[in-house]
Amino acid sequence: MNPDRVILVIVLTILIVIGANGILYLSLRRGNETNMVNLTRKFLHNARNPWQEEDQSLQELSRLVADLNSPKNAKSEDTPVNNELNQTQPGNPHAR
């Protein structure tokens, strides 16, 4: 392993730990124990599932795409607009 990368990982880990403890210390020093409890709960919840919001957004997008692709929403290809577009496109063998 590259010693520079090992040192970088160690330094970043130490900074994250010190930063998290500093934030917790400052929150307790201000006397906001309820905010501290809520902050800790939110942190632990996000640590267990860090991409929850993105997953929910992707699930909604998937559902909307499935609704668009469902047979009840599918339009016939022989609609007047599609026929008109097909007839005016150059190189179309069905064009007039």
C-alpha atoms as a PDB file:
ATOM      1  CA  MET A   1       0.000   0.000   0.000  1.00  0.00           C
ATOM      2  CA  ASN A   2       0.982   3.565  -0.579  1.00  0.00           C
ATOM      3  CA  PRO A   3       2.007   5.158   2.753  1.00  0.00           C
ATOM      4  CA  ASP A   4       0.608   8.521   1.683  1.00  0.00           C
ATOM      5  CA  ARG A   5      -2.870   7.065   1.270  1.00  0.00           C
ATOM      6  CA  VAL A   6      -2.693   5.303   4.632  1.00  0.00           C
ATOM      7  CA  ILE A   7      -1.734   8.557   6.325  1.00  0.00           C
ATOM      8  CA  LEU A   8      -4.520  10.399   4.482  1.00  0.00           C
ATOM      9  CA  VAL A   9      -7.129   7.855   5.600  1.00  0.00           C
ATOM     10  CA  ILE A  10      -5.927   8.030   9.201  1.00  0.00           C
ATOM     11  CA  VAL A  11      -5.953  11.840   9.209  1.00  0.00           C
ATOM     12  CA  LEU A  12      -9.444  12.005   7.663  1.00  0.00           C
ATOM     13  CA  THR A  13     -10.769   9.485  10.191  1.00  0.00           C
ATOM     14  CA  ILE A  14      -9.311  11.471  13.070  1.00  0.00           C
ATOM     15  CA  LEU A  15     -10.791  14.720  11.697  1.00  0.00           C
ATOM     16  CA  ILE A  16     -14.233  13.152  11.333  1.00  0.00           C
ATOM     17  CA  VAL A  17     -14.157  11.750  14.874  1.00  0.00           C
ATOM     18  CA  ILE A  18     -12.906  15.027  16.372  1.00  0.00           C
ATOM     19  CA  GLY A  19     -15.449  17.025  14.357  1.00  0.00           C
ATOM     20  CA  ALA A  20     -18.377  14.830  15.404  1.00  0.00           C
ATOM     21  CA  ASN A  21     -17.311  14.968  19.060  1.00  0.00           C
ATOM     22  CA  GLY A  22     -16.838  18.729  18.840  1.00  0.00           C
ATOM     23  CA  ILE A  23     -20.356  19.203  17.485  1.00  0.00           C
ATOM     24  CA  LEU A  24     -21.763  16.984  20.246  1.00  0.00           C
ATOM     25  CA  TYR A  25     -19.786  18.885  22.893  1.00  0.00           C
ATOM     26  CA  LEU A  26     -20.950  22.280  21.645  1.00  0.00           C
ATOM     27  CA  SER A  27     -24.555  21.099  21.550  1.00  0.00           C
ATOM     28  CA  LEU A  28     -24.354  19.890  25.148  1.00  0.00           C
ATOM     29  CA  ARG A  29     -22.589  23.038  26.297  1.00  0.00           C
ATOM     30  CA  ARG A  30     -25.431  25.197  24.948  1.00  0.00           C
ATOM     31  CA  GLY A  31     -27.850  23.203  27.084  1.00  0.00           C
ATOM     32  CA  ASN A  32     -29.922  21.797  24.224  1.00  0.00           C
ATOM     33  CA  GLU A  33     -30.212  18.220  25.458  1.00  0.00           C
ATOM     34  CA  THR A  34     -33.444  17.642  23.540  1.00  0.00           C
ATOM     35  CA  ASN A  35     -31.847  18.900  20.340  1.00  0.00           C
ATOM     36  CA  MET A  36     -28.850  16.707  21.087  1.00  0.00           C
ATOM     37  CA  VAL A  37     -31.037  13.630  21.444  1.00  0.00           C
ATOM     38  CA  ASN A  38     -32.857  14.439  18.198  1.00  0.00           C
ATOM     39  CA  LEU A  39     -29.559  15.129  16.442  1.00  0.00           C
ATOM     40  CA  THR A  40     -28.159  11.805  17.614  1.00  0.00           C
ATOM     41  CA  ARG A  41     -31.304   9.934  16.543  1.00  0.00           C
ATOM     42  CA  LYS A  42     -31.218  11.552  13.114  1.00  0.00           C
ATOM     43  CA  PHE A  43     -27.510  10.785  12.758  1.00  0.00           C
ATOM     44  CA  LEU A  44     -27.997   7.132  13.694  1.00  0.00           C
ATOM     45  CA  HIS A  45     -31.000   6.806  11.373  1.00  0.00           C
ATOM     46  CA  ASN A  46     -29.028   8.295   8.473  1.00  0.00           C
ATOM     47  CA  ALA A  47     -26.018   6.119   9.308  1.00  0.00           C
ATOM     48  CA  ARG A  48     -28.143   2.969   9.013  1.00  0.00           C
ATOM     49  CA  ASN A  49     -29.730   4.008   5.712  1.00  0.00           C
ATOM     50  CA  PRO A  50     -27.757   6.892   4.177  1.00  0.00           C
ATOM     51  CA  TRP A  51     -29.581   6.867   0.821  1.00  0.00           C
ATOM     52  CA  GLN A  52     -33.154   6.625   2.081  1.00  0.00           C
ATOM     53  CA  GLU A  53     -34.348   9.851   0.417  1.00  0.00           C
ATOM     54  CA  GLU A  54     -32.722   8.914  -2.878  1.00  0.00           C
ATOM     55  CA  ASP A  55     -34.214   5.413  -2.700  1.00  0.00           C
ATOM     56  CA  GLN A  56     -37.682   6.857  -2.151  1.00  0.00           C
ATOM     57  CA  SER A  57     -37.242   9.242  -5.079  1.00  0.00           C
ATOM     58  CA  LEU A  58     -36.076   6.406  -7.332  1.00  0.00           C
ATOM     59  CA  GLN A  59     -39.007   4.218  -6.271  1.00  0.00           C
ATOM     60  CA  GLU A  60     -41.424   7.020  -7.106  1.00  0.00           C
ATOM     61  CA  LEU A  61     -39.732   7.538 -10.471  1.00  0.00           C
ATOM     62  CA  SER A  62     -39.923   3.807 -11.161  1.00  0.00           C
ATOM     63  CA  ARG A  63     -43.622   3.791 -10.304  1.00  0.00           C
ATOM     64  CA  LEU A  64     -44.288   6.778 -12.573  1.00  0.00           C
ATOM     65  CA  VAL A  65     -42.399   5.158 -15.462  1.00  0.00           C
ATOM     66  CA  ALA A  66     -44.309   1.919 -14.940  1.00  0.00           C
ATOM     67  CA  ASP A  67     -47.565   3.913 -15.036  1.00  0.00           C
ATOM     68  CA  LEU A  68     -46.490   5.531 -18.298  1.00  0.00           C
ATOM     69  CA  ASN A  69     -45.581   2.170 -19.826  1.00  0.00           C
ATOM     70  CA  SER A  70     -48.726   0.388 -18.684  1.00  0.00           C
ATOM     71  CA  PRO A  71     -51.188  -0.714 -21.409  1.00  0.00           C
ATOM     72  CA  LYS A  72     -53.947   1.578 -20.168  1.00  0.00           C
ATOM     73  CA  ASN A  73     -51.745   4.616 -20.908  1.00  0.00           C
ATOM     74  CA  ALA A  74     -50.306   3.298 -24.182  1.00  0.00           C
ATOM     75  CA  LYS A  75     -51.515   5.199 -27.214  1.00  0.00           C
ATOM     76  CA  SER A  76     -52.102   3.670 -30.594  1.00  0.00           C
ATOM     77  CA  GLU A  77     -49.397   4.328 -33.150  1.00  0.00           C
ATOM     78  CA  ASP A  78     -52.063   5.115 -35.727  1.00  0.00           C
ATOM     79  CA  THR A  79     -53.176   8.377 -34.181  1.00  0.00           C
ATOM     80  CA  PRO A  80     -53.691  11.275 -36.602  1.00  0.00           C
ATOM     81  CA  VAL A  81     -50.634  13.100 -35.247  1.00  0.00           C
ATOM     82  CA  ASN A  82     -48.356  10.075 -35.718  1.00  0.00           C
ATOM     83  CA  ASN A  83     -49.729   9.429 -39.214  1.00  0.00           C
ATOM     84  CA  GLU A  84     -49.145  13.052 -40.154  1.00  0.00           C
ATOM     85  CA  LEU A  85     -45.577  12.974 -38.810  1.00  0.00           C
ATOM     86  CA  ASN A  86     -44.800   9.717 -40.627  1.00  0.00           C
ATOM     87  CA  GLN A  87     -46.051  11.124 -43.919  1.00  0.00           C
ATOM     88  CA  THR A  88     -43.942  14.280 -43.731  1.00  0.00           C
ATOM     89  CA  GLN A  89     -40.614  12.726 -42.677  1.00  0.00           C
ATOM     90  CA  PRO A  90     -38.058  12.527 -45.482  1.00  0.00           C
ATOM     91  CA  GLY A  91     -36.899   9.059 -46.311  1.00  0.00           C
ATOM     92  CA  ASN A  92     -40.025   7.452 -44.931  1.00  0.00           C
ATOM     93  CA  PRO A  93     -41.178   4.717 -47.310  1.00  0.00           C
ATOM     94  CA  HIS A  94     -44.801   5.345 -46.268  1.00  0.00           C
ATOM     95  CA  ALA A  95     -44.628   9.067 -47.042  1.00  0.00           C
ATOM     96  CA  ARG A  96     -46.822  10.477 -49.772  1.00  0.00           C
END
